[in-house]
C-alpha atoms as a PDB file:
ATOM      1  CA  UNK A   1    -151.068  67.474  86.597  1.00  0.00           C
ATOM      2  CA  UNK A   2    -149.766  67.882  83.097  1.00  0.00           C
ATOM      3  CA  UNK A   3    -146.466  66.165  83.252  1.00  0.00           C
ATOM      4  CA  UNK A   4    -144.210  63.311  82.004  1.00  0.00           C
ATOM      5  CA  UNK A   5    -140.755  61.719  81.770  1.00  0.00           C
ATOM      6  CA  UNK A   6    -139.635  58.226  80.904  1.00  0.00           C
ATOM      7  CA  UNK A   7    -141.441  55.835  83.320  1.00  0.00           C
ATOM      8  CA  UNK A   8    -143.873  53.663  85.043  1.00  0.00           C
ATOM      9  CA  UNK A   9    -143.385  51.828  88.237  1.00  0.00           C
ATOM     10  CA  UNK A  10    -144.115  48.840  90.291  1.00  0.00           C
ATOM     11  CA  UNK A  11    -146.016  50.336  93.203  1.00  0.00           C
ATOM     12  CA  UNK A  12    -144.135  50.206  96.443  1.00  0.00           C
ATOM     13  CA  UNK A  13    -146.872  49.076  98.777  1.00  0.00           C
ATOM     14  CA  UNK A  14    -148.413  45.897 100.190  1.00  0.00           C
ATOM     15  CA  UNK A  15    -151.913  44.450 100.054  1.00  0.00           C
ATOM     16  CA  UNK A  16    -153.315  41.374 101.738  1.00  0.00           C
ATOM     17  CA  UNK A  17    -155.395  38.680 100.033  1.00  0.00           C
ATOM     18  CA  UNK A  18    -158.059  38.423 102.719  1.00  0.00           C
ATOM     19  CA  UNK A  19    -160.411  35.461 102.820  1.00  0.00           C
ATOM     20  CA  UNK A  20    -163.005  37.775 104.370  1.00  0.00           C
ATOM     21  CA  UNK A  21    -163.833  39.130 100.927  1.00  0.00           C
ATOM     22  CA  UNK A  22    -163.556  35.982  98.841  1.00  0.00           C
ATOM     23  CA  UNK A  23    -167.306  35.501  98.927  1.00  0.00           C
ATOM     24  CA  UNK A  24    -168.105  39.084  97.931  1.00  0.00           C
ATOM     25  CA  UNK A  25    -169.262  39.649  94.381  1.00  0.00           C
ATOM     26  CA  UNK A  26    -166.899  42.509  93.597  1.00  0.00           C
ATOM     27  CA  UNK A  27    -164.374  43.477  90.978  1.00  0.00           C
ATOM     28  CA  UNK A  28    -160.932  44.909  91.543  1.00  0.00           C
ATOM     29  CA  UNK A  29    -162.258  48.397  90.784  1.00  0.00           C
ATOM     30  CA  UNK A  30    -164.341  48.563  93.970  1.00  0.00           C
ATOM     31  CA  UNK A  31    -162.315  46.674  96.528  1.00  0.00           C
ATOM     32  CA  UNK A  32    -161.472  49.752  98.579  1.00  0.00           C
ATOM     33  CA  UNK A  33    -162.625  48.603 102.028  1.00  0.00           C
ATOM     34  CA  UNK A  34    -161.364  47.941 105.539  1.00  0.00           C
ATOM     35  CA  UNK A  35    -161.193  44.208 104.773  1.00  0.00           C
ATOM     36  CA  UNK A  36    -159.434  44.607 101.430  1.00  0.00           C
ATOM     37  CA  UNK A  37    -157.768  47.997 101.499  1.00  0.00           C
ATOM     38  CA  UNK A  38    -157.064  50.062  98.411  1.00  0.00           C
ATOM     39  CA  UNK A  39    -153.617  51.345  99.196  1.00  0.00           C
ATOM     40  CA  UNK A  40    -152.947  53.572  96.207  1.00  0.00           C
ATOM     41  CA  UNK A  41    -154.789  55.420  93.465  1.00  0.00           C
ATOM     42  CA  UNK A  42    -152.982  55.631  90.125  1.00  0.00           C
ATOM     43  CA  UNK A  43    -153.507  57.854  87.103  1.00  0.00           C
ATOM     44  CA  UNK A  44    -151.987  57.671  83.637  1.00  0.00           C
ATOM     45  CA  UNK A  45    -151.922  60.962  81.758  1.00  0.00           C
ATOM     46  CA  UNK A  46    -151.369  60.595  77.974  1.00  0.00           C
ATOM     47  CA  UNK A  47    -148.552  62.778  76.626  1.00  0.00           C
ATOM     48  CA  UNK A  48    -147.245  63.892  73.251  1.00  0.00           C
ATOM     49  CA  UNK A  49    -143.647  64.844  72.541  1.00  0.00           C
ATOM     50  CA  UNK A  50    -143.385  68.240  70.864  1.00  0.00           C
ATOM     51  CA  UNK A  51    -141.036  69.408  68.141  1.00  0.00           C
ATOM     52  CA  UNK A  52    -138.460  70.452  70.747  1.00  0.00           C
ATOM     53  CA  UNK A  53    -138.684  67.321  72.856  1.00  0.00           C
ATOM     54  CA  UNK A  54    -135.391  65.844  74.000  1.00  0.00           C
ATOM     55  CA  UNK A  55    -134.482  64.260  77.305  1.00  0.00           C
ATOM     56  CA  UNK A  56    -132.233  67.256  77.978  1.00  0.00           C
ATOM     57  CA  UNK A  57    -134.984  69.790  77.261  1.00  0.00           C
ATOM     58  CA  UNK A  58    -137.369  67.893  79.485  1.00  0.00           C
ATOM     59  CA  UNK A  59    -134.816  67.774  82.296  1.00  0.00           C
ATOM     60  CA  UNK A  60    -133.814  71.440  82.010  1.00  0.00           C
ATOM     61  CA  UNK A  61    -136.951  73.215  80.815  1.00  0.00           C
ATOM     62  CA  UNK A  62    -139.963  71.179  81.959  1.00  0.00           C
ATOM     63  CA  UNK A  63    -139.042  69.320  85.128  1.00  0.00           C
ATOM     64  CA  UNK A  64    -137.620  72.056  87.448  1.00  0.00           C
ATOM     65  CA  UNK A  65    -140.658  74.324  87.229  1.00  0.00           C
ATOM     66  CA  UNK A  66    -143.009  71.360  87.607  1.00  0.00           C
ATOM     67  CA  UNK A  67    -141.225  70.485  90.832  1.00  0.00           C
ATOM     68  CA  UNK A  68    -141.549  74.109  92.022  1.00  0.00           C
ATOM     69  CA  UNK A  69    -145.247  74.113  91.145  1.00  0.00           C
ATOM     70  CA  UNK A  70    -145.828  70.984  93.218  1.00  0.00           C
ATOM     71  CA  UNK A  71    -144.490  72.891  96.212  1.00  0.00           C
ATOM     72  CA  UNK A  72    -146.511  76.002  95.344  1.00  0.00           C
ATOM     73  CA  UNK A  73    -149.823  74.112  95.259  1.00  0.00           C
ATOM     74  CA  UNK A  74    -148.876  71.945  98.279  1.00  0.00           C
ATOM     75  CA  UNK A  75    -149.490  68.798  96.243  1.00  0.00           C
ATOM     76  CA  UNK A  76    -150.122  65.499  98.105  1.00  0.00           C
ATOM     77  CA  UNK A  77    -148.644  63.555  95.157  1.00  0.00           C
ATOM     78  CA  UNK A  78    -146.859  60.442  96.471  1.00  0.00           C
ATOM     79  CA  UNK A  79    -144.641  59.801  93.447  1.00  0.00           C
ATOM     80  CA  UNK A  80    -144.536  60.126  89.675  1.00  0.00           C
ATOM     81  CA  UNK A  81    -143.291  58.000  86.824  1.00  0.00           C
ATOM     82  CA  UNK A  82    -143.314  58.157  83.059  1.00  0.00           C
ATOM     83  CA  UNK A  83    -143.526  55.448  80.423  1.00  0.00           C
ATOM     84  CA  UNK A  84    -142.653  55.452  76.739  1.00  0.00           C
ATOM     85  CA  UNK A  85    -143.837  52.868  74.230  1.00  0.00           C
ATOM     86  CA  UNK A  86    -141.087  50.477  73.194  1.00  0.00           C
ATOM     87  CA  UNK A  87    -143.024  50.083  69.947  1.00  0.00           C
ATOM     88  CA  UNK A  88    -145.737  52.594  69.100  1.00  0.00           C
ATOM     89  CA  UNK A  89    -148.709  51.133  67.210  1.00  0.00           C
ATOM     90  CA  UNK A  90    -150.954  52.927  64.739  1.00  0.00           C
ATOM     91  CA  UNK A  91    -153.732  52.726  67.332  1.00  0.00           C
ATOM     92  CA  UNK A  92    -151.685  54.614  69.939  1.00  0.00           C
ATOM     93  CA  UNK A  93    -152.696  58.254  70.311  1.00  0.00           C
ATOM     94  CA  UNK A  94    -149.846  59.126  72.635  1.00  0.00           C
ATOM     95  CA  UNK A  95    -146.061  58.848  72.868  1.00  0.00           C
ATOM     96  CA  UNK A  96    -146.290  57.773  76.479  1.00  0.00           C
ATOM     97  CA  UNK A  97    -147.878  58.475  79.838  1.00  0.00           C
ATOM     98  CA  UNK A  98    -147.114  60.495  82.933  1.00  0.00           C
ATOM     99  CA  UNK A  99    -148.045  58.223  85.828  1.00  0.00           C
ATOM    100  CA  UNK A 100    -149.178  59.766  89.093  1.00  0.00           C
ATOM    101  CA  UNK A 101    -149.507  57.882  92.379  1.00  0.00           C
ATOM    102  CA  UNK A 102    -151.780  59.164  95.150  1.00  0.00           C
ATOM    103  CA  UNK A 103    -152.803  57.811  98.528  1.00  0.00           C
ATOM    104  CA  UNK A 104    -156.519  58.192  97.756  1.00  0.00           C
ATOM    105  CA  UNK A 105    -158.897  59.199  94.982  1.00  0.00           C
ATOM    106  CA  UNK A 106    -160.117  62.119  97.114  1.00  0.00           C
ATOM    107  CA  UNK A 107    -156.599  63.530  97.361  1.00  0.00           C
ATOM    108  CA  UNK A 108    -156.135  63.162  93.610  1.00  0.00           C
ATOM    109  CA  UNK A 109    -159.377  64.974  92.797  1.00  0.00           C
ATOM    110  CA  UNK A 110    -158.625  67.827  95.182  1.00  0.00           C
ATOM    111  CA  UNK A 111    -155.087  68.168  93.844  1.00  0.00           C
ATOM    112  CA  UNK A 112    -156.304  68.360  90.244  1.00  0.00           C
ATOM    113  CA  UNK A 113    -158.815  71.060  91.137  1.00  0.00           C
ATOM    114  CA  UNK A 114    -156.085  73.158  92.740  1.00  0.00           C
ATOM    115  CA  UNK A 115    -153.644  72.453  89.895  1.00  0.00           C
ATOM    116  CA  UNK A 116    -156.057  73.390  87.125  1.00  0.00           C
ATOM    117  CA  UNK A 117    -157.023  76.678  88.770  1.00  0.00           C
ATOM    118  CA  UNK A 118    -153.446  77.903  89.264  1.00  0.00           C
ATOM    119  CA  UNK A 119    -152.316  80.668  86.853  1.00  0.00           C
ATOM    120  CA  UNK A 120    -148.650  79.677  87.091  1.00  0.00           C
ATOM    121  CA  UNK A 121    -149.545  76.108  86.123  1.00  0.00           C
ATOM    122  CA  UNK A 122    -151.413  77.423  83.088  1.00  0.00           C
ATOM    123  CA  UNK A 123    -148.409  79.532  82.061  1.00  0.00           C
ATOM    124  CA  UNK A 124    -146.003  76.612  82.523  1.00  0.00           C
ATOM    125  CA  UNK A 125    -148.263  74.337  80.473  1.00  0.00           C
ATOM    126  CA  UNK A 126    -148.305  76.807  77.595  1.00  0.00           C
ATOM    127  CA  UNK A 127    -144.588  77.571  77.789  1.00  0.00           C
ATOM    128  CA  UNK A 128    -143.553  73.895  77.644  1.00  0.00           C
ATOM    129  CA  UNK A 129    -146.161  72.592  75.156  1.00  0.00           C
ATOM    130  CA  UNK A 130    -143.669  72.392  72.286  1.00  0.00           C
ATOM    131  CA  UNK A 131    -141.441  70.162  74.408  1.00  0.00           C
ATOM    132  CA  UNK A 132    -144.132  67.999  75.988  1.00  0.00           C
ATOM    133  CA  UNK A 133    -147.912  68.312  76.212  1.00  0.00           C
ATOM    134  CA  UNK A 134    -150.107  66.101  78.387  1.00  0.00           C
ATOM    135  CA  UNK A 135    -153.876  65.699  78.421  1.00  0.00           C
ATOM    136  CA  UNK A 136    -155.063  65.706  82.011  1.00  0.00           C
ATOM    137  CA  UNK A 137    -158.692  65.852  80.907  1.00  0.00           C
ATOM    138  CA  UNK A 138    -158.405  62.391  79.328  1.00  0.00           C
ATOM    139  CA  UNK A 139    -156.341  60.614  81.959  1.00  0.00           C
ATOM    140  CA  UNK A 140    -156.963  56.978  82.919  1.00  0.00           C
ATOM    141  CA  UNK A 141    -157.528  56.348  86.629  1.00  0.00           C
ATOM    142  CA  UNK A 142    -157.254  53.100  88.573  1.00  0.00           C
ATOM    143  CA  UNK A 143    -157.543  51.455  91.943  1.00  0.00           C
ATOM    144  CA  UNK A 144    -154.170  49.769  92.372  1.00  0.00           C
ATOM    145  CA  UNK A 145    -153.260  46.580  94.218  1.00  0.00           C
ATOM    146  CA  UNK A 146    -150.101  44.596  94.790  1.00  0.00           C
ATOM    147  CA  UNK A 147    -149.469  41.535  96.922  1.00  0.00           C
ATOM    148  CA  UNK A 148    -145.813  41.995  97.853  1.00  0.00           C
ATOM    149  CA  UNK A 149    -143.223  44.693  98.402  1.00  0.00           C
ATOM    150  CA  UNK A 150    -141.310  45.543  95.241  1.00  0.00           C
ATOM    151  CA  UNK A 151    -137.890  44.637  96.645  1.00  0.00           C
ATOM    152  CA  UNK A 152    -138.566  41.008  97.626  1.00  0.00           C
ATOM    153  CA  UNK A 153    -136.661  39.825  94.535  1.00  0.00           C
ATOM    154  CA  UNK A 154    -133.982  42.501  94.696  1.00  0.00           C
ATOM    155  CA  UNK A 155    -133.904  46.281  94.796  1.00  0.00           C
ATOM    156  CA  UNK A 156    -135.051  48.231  91.721  1.00  0.00           C
ATOM    157  CA  UNK A 157    -133.000  51.009  90.198  1.00  0.00           C
ATOM    158  CA  UNK A 158    -135.899  53.324  89.334  1.00  0.00           C
ATOM    159  CA  UNK A 159    -134.026  55.626  86.964  1.00  0.00           C
ATOM    160  CA  UNK A 160    -134.553  53.028  84.233  1.00  0.00           C
ATOM    161  CA  UNK A 161    -136.572  49.801  84.137  1.00  0.00           C
ATOM    162  CA  UNK A 162    -138.930  47.777  81.948  1.00  0.00           C
ATOM    163  CA  UNK A 163    -142.724  47.574  82.268  1.00  0.00           C
ATOM    164  CA  UNK A 164    -145.019  44.939  80.776  1.00  0.00           C
ATOM    165  CA  UNK A 165    -148.815  45.432  80.750  1.00  0.00           C
ATOM    166  CA  UNK A 166    -151.633  43.020  79.910  1.00  0.00           C
ATOM    167  CA  UNK A 167    -155.162  44.247  79.156  1.00  0.00           C
ATOM    168  CA  UNK A 168    -157.604  41.625  80.446  1.00  0.00           C
ATOM    169  CA  UNK A 169    -161.280  40.663  80.549  1.00  0.00           C
ATOM    170  CA  UNK A 170    -162.778  38.089  82.890  1.00  0.00           C
ATOM    171  CA  UNK A 171    -163.954  34.911  81.259  1.00  0.00           C
ATOM    172  CA  UNK A 172    -167.659  34.168  81.495  1.00  0.00           C
ATOM    173  CA  UNK A 173    -168.651  33.414  85.066  1.00  0.00           C
ATOM    174  CA  UNK A 174    -165.359  34.676  86.530  1.00  0.00           C
ATOM    175  CA  UNK A 175    -164.829  37.748  88.695  1.00  0.00           C
ATOM    176  CA  UNK A 176    -162.536  39.371  91.246  1.00  0.00           C
ATOM    177  CA  UNK A 177    -162.839  36.480  93.707  1.00  0.00           C
ATOM    178  CA  UNK A 178    -161.434  34.102  91.089  1.00  0.00           C
ATOM    179  CA  UNK A 179    -158.604  36.481  90.329  1.00  0.00           C
ATOM    180  CA  UNK A 180    -157.752  36.766  94.015  1.00  0.00           C
ATOM    181  CA  UNK A 181    -157.516  32.970  94.186  1.00  0.00           C
ATOM    182  CA  UNK A 182    -155.030  32.973  91.313  1.00  0.00           C
ATOM    183  CA  UNK A 183    -153.051  35.734  93.021  1.00  0.00           C
ATOM    184  CA  UNK A 184    -152.895  33.571  96.151  1.00  0.00           C
ATOM    185  CA  UNK A 185    -151.495  30.696  94.070  1.00  0.00           C
ATOM    186  CA  UNK A 186    -148.993  33.044  92.454  1.00  0.00           C
ATOM    187  CA  UNK A 187    -147.864  34.367  95.826  1.00  0.00           C
ATOM    188  CA  UNK A 188    -147.351  30.849  97.167  1.00  0.00           C
ATOM    189  CA  UNK A 189    -145.330  30.016  94.075  1.00  0.00           C
ATOM    190  CA  UNK A 190    -143.196  33.168  94.302  1.00  0.00           C
ATOM    191  CA  UNK A 191    -142.523  32.610  97.999  1.00  0.00           C
ATOM    192  CA  UNK A 192    -141.026  29.206  97.223  1.00  0.00           C
ATOM    193  CA  UNK A 193    -139.335  30.092  93.917  1.00  0.00           C
ATOM    194  CA  UNK A 194    -135.994  31.351  95.198  1.00  0.00           C
ATOM    195  CA  UNK A 195    -134.256  30.728  91.863  1.00  0.00           C
ATOM    196  CA  UNK A 196    -136.218  33.370  89.932  1.00  0.00           C
ATOM    197  CA  UNK A 197    -134.005  36.266  88.832  1.00  0.00           C
ATOM    198  CA  UNK A 198    -134.899  39.714  90.104  1.00  0.00           C
ATOM    199  CA  UNK A 199    -135.802  42.358  90.768  1.00  0.00           C
ATOM    200  CA  UNK A 200    -139.446  41.699  89.915  1.00  0.00           C
ATOM    201  CA  UNK A 201    -142.792  43.105  90.999  1.00  0.00           C
ATOM    202  CA  UNK A 202    -146.344  43.314  89.713  1.00  0.00           C
ATOM    203  CA  UNK A 203    -149.516  45.355  90.087  1.00  0.00           C
ATOM    204  CA  UNK A 204    -153.219  44.860  89.317  1.00  0.00           C
ATOM    205  CA  UNK A 205    -155.154  47.902  88.126  1.00  0.00           C
ATOM    206  CA  UNK A 206    -158.947  48.127  88.287  1.00  0.00           C
ATOM    207  CA  UNK A 207    -160.329  50.906  86.018  1.00  0.00           C
ATOM    208  CA  UNK A 208    -162.085  53.744  87.802  1.00  0.00           C
ATOM    209  CA  UNK A 209    -163.899  54.674  84.583  1.00  0.00           C
ATOM    210  CA  UNK A 210    -166.617  53.188  82.405  1.00  0.00           C
ATOM    211  CA  UNK A 211    -165.306  50.675  79.867  1.00  0.00           C
ATOM    212  CA  UNK A 212    -166.351  47.421  78.227  1.00  0.00           C
ATOM    213  CA  UNK A 213    -162.848  46.837  76.875  1.00  0.00           C
ATOM    214  CA  UNK A 214    -161.020  45.918  80.063  1.00  0.00           C
ATOM    215  CA  UNK A 215    -161.816  44.493  83.495  1.00  0.00           C
ATOM    216  CA  UNK A 216    -158.281  44.901  84.791  1.00  0.00           C
ATOM    217  CA  UNK A 217    -154.692  45.527  83.740  1.00  0.00           C
ATOM    218  CA  UNK A 218    -151.877  43.321  84.995  1.00  0.00           C
ATOM    219  CA  UNK A 219    -148.450  44.947  85.068  1.00  0.00           C
ATOM    220  CA  UNK A 220    -145.094  43.225  85.547  1.00  0.00           C
ATOM    221  CA  UNK A 221    -141.879  45.121  86.230  1.00  0.00           C
ATOM    222  CA  UNK A 222    -138.262  44.155  85.582  1.00  0.00           C
ATOM    223  CA  UNK A 223    -134.959  45.999  85.658  1.00  0.00           C
ATOM    224  CA  UNK A 224    -134.212  45.476  81.961  1.00  0.00           C
ATOM    225  CA  UNK A 225    -135.629  43.739  78.891  1.00  0.00           C
ATOM    226  CA  UNK A 226    -132.904  41.103  79.220  1.00  0.00           C
ATOM    227  CA  UNK A 227    -133.970  40.533  82.832  1.00  0.00           C
ATOM    228  CA  UNK A 228    -137.598  40.146  81.700  1.00  0.00           C
ATOM    229  CA  UNK A 229    -136.631  37.452  79.209  1.00  0.00           C
ATOM    230  CA  UNK A 230    -134.510  35.642  81.807  1.00  0.00           C
ATOM    231  CA  UNK A 231    -137.351  35.748  84.340  1.00  0.00           C
ATOM    232  CA  UNK A 232    -139.851  34.435  81.802  1.00  0.00           C
ATOM    233  CA  UNK A 233    -137.545  31.582  80.791  1.00  0.00           C
ATOM    234  CA  UNK A 234    -136.975  30.505  84.401  1.00  0.00           C
ATOM    235  CA  UNK A 235    -140.696  30.928  85.164  1.00  0.00           C
ATOM    236  CA  UNK A 236    -141.653  28.410  82.469  1.00  0.00           C
ATOM    237  CA  UNK A 237    -139.142  25.887  83.795  1.00  0.00           C
ATOM    238  CA  UNK A 238    -140.440  26.093  87.344  1.00  0.00           C
ATOM    239  CA  UNK A 239    -144.223  25.942  87.155  1.00  0.00           C
ATOM    240  CA  UNK A 240    -146.249  26.706  84.024  1.00  0.00           C
ATOM    241  CA  UNK A 241    -149.404  25.652  85.917  1.00  0.00           C
ATOM    242  CA  UNK A 242    -149.552  29.033  87.644  1.00  0.00           C
ATOM    243  CA  UNK A 243    -149.922  30.815  84.318  1.00  0.00           C
ATOM    244  CA  UNK A 244    -152.350  28.162  83.084  1.00  0.00           C
ATOM    245  CA  UNK A 245    -154.586  28.813  86.098  1.00  0.00           C
ATOM    246  CA  UNK A 246    -154.502  32.542  85.358  1.00  0.00           C
ATOM    247  CA  UNK A 247    -155.640  31.820  81.807  1.00  0.00           C
ATOM    248  CA  UNK A 248    -158.721  30.007  83.113  1.00  0.00           C
ATOM    249  CA  UNK A 249    -159.859  33.229  84.791  1.00  0.00           C
ATOM    250  CA  UNK A 250    -159.190  35.862  82.143  1.00  0.00           C
ATOM    251  CA  UNK A 251    -158.548  36.549  78.488  1.00  0.00           C
ATOM    252  CA  UNK A 252    -155.673  38.971  78.026  1.00  0.00           C
ATOM    253  CA  UNK A 253    -154.304  40.687  74.970  1.00  0.00           C
ATOM    254  CA  UNK A 254    -150.668  40.455  73.973  1.00  0.00           C
ATOM    255  CA  UNK A 255    -148.580  42.526  76.411  1.00  0.00           C
ATOM    256  CA  UNK A 256    -147.400  46.051  75.686  1.00  0.00           C
ATOM    257  CA  UNK A 257    -143.853  46.984  76.687  1.00  0.00           C
ATOM    258  CA  UNK A 258    -142.590  50.327  77.975  1.00  0.00           C
ATOM    259  CA  UNK A 259    -139.310  51.987  78.855  1.00  0.00           C
ATOM    260  CA  UNK A 260    -139.819  53.281  82.362  1.00  0.00           C
ATOM    261  CA  UNK A 261    -138.198  55.580  84.917  1.00  0.00           C
ATOM    262  CA  UNK A 262    -139.008  57.695  87.932  1.00  0.00           C
ATOM    263  CA  UNK A 263    -139.842  61.385  87.552  1.00  0.00           C
ATOM    264  CA  UNK A 264    -138.372  63.095  90.651  1.00  0.00           C
ATOM    265  CA  UNK A 265    -140.872  65.317  92.448  1.00  0.00           C
ATOM    266  CA  UNK A 266    -138.159  67.413  94.104  1.00  0.00           C
END
């Protein structure tokens, strides 16, 4: 799917931290099982803004036909979001990403095969390239997990929100079981921390591709940048030990921030 807008989202699904898998030597990228279900499959398609890119041109020239094409190919796409860098670095090869959410990897692969073989899709891609072009061949795919529904700290307005992503590697001797333990501690803390401002949600992404640079991404989601700062300030007052425990499991780079919003599929 070659597509984009202004977003990324906190997944709206639930996963359970099951003790049945705590003893398994697995990473988050292969936890799809009956005991520890993988509820969603997520893909990030890198996109470049063309010379005629504006929000209005995207809305009027790119989006409507994309929505029609989804119907034409009978796409099983669950939802779509787009994200734009708040600050683009020299190392960034894209202006942002078109995020696609599927129920399963199998559905995603079948949908891409149908999409890429459709003549109308090819024509649309060419016609809109000077507004927005996206590289489906070099997308990043992930198994996606979240421990709580996104609205437990208040309902998100998905037309505009803030995303924060950490790129992380396990420390020596640590693995997915250790991360699940930290998630359990975090969930206990969040359940009792009624004073934290919201809305807030988070997701853990295990790469479904070969890489030595990352074991998992951790994404946090807030309504606005001001809300993110307020949440972080209150978080530090309440219990810095939760973050300290996370730091014993993984080494994470400085977070990247994105302006986010939902891309309507119809």
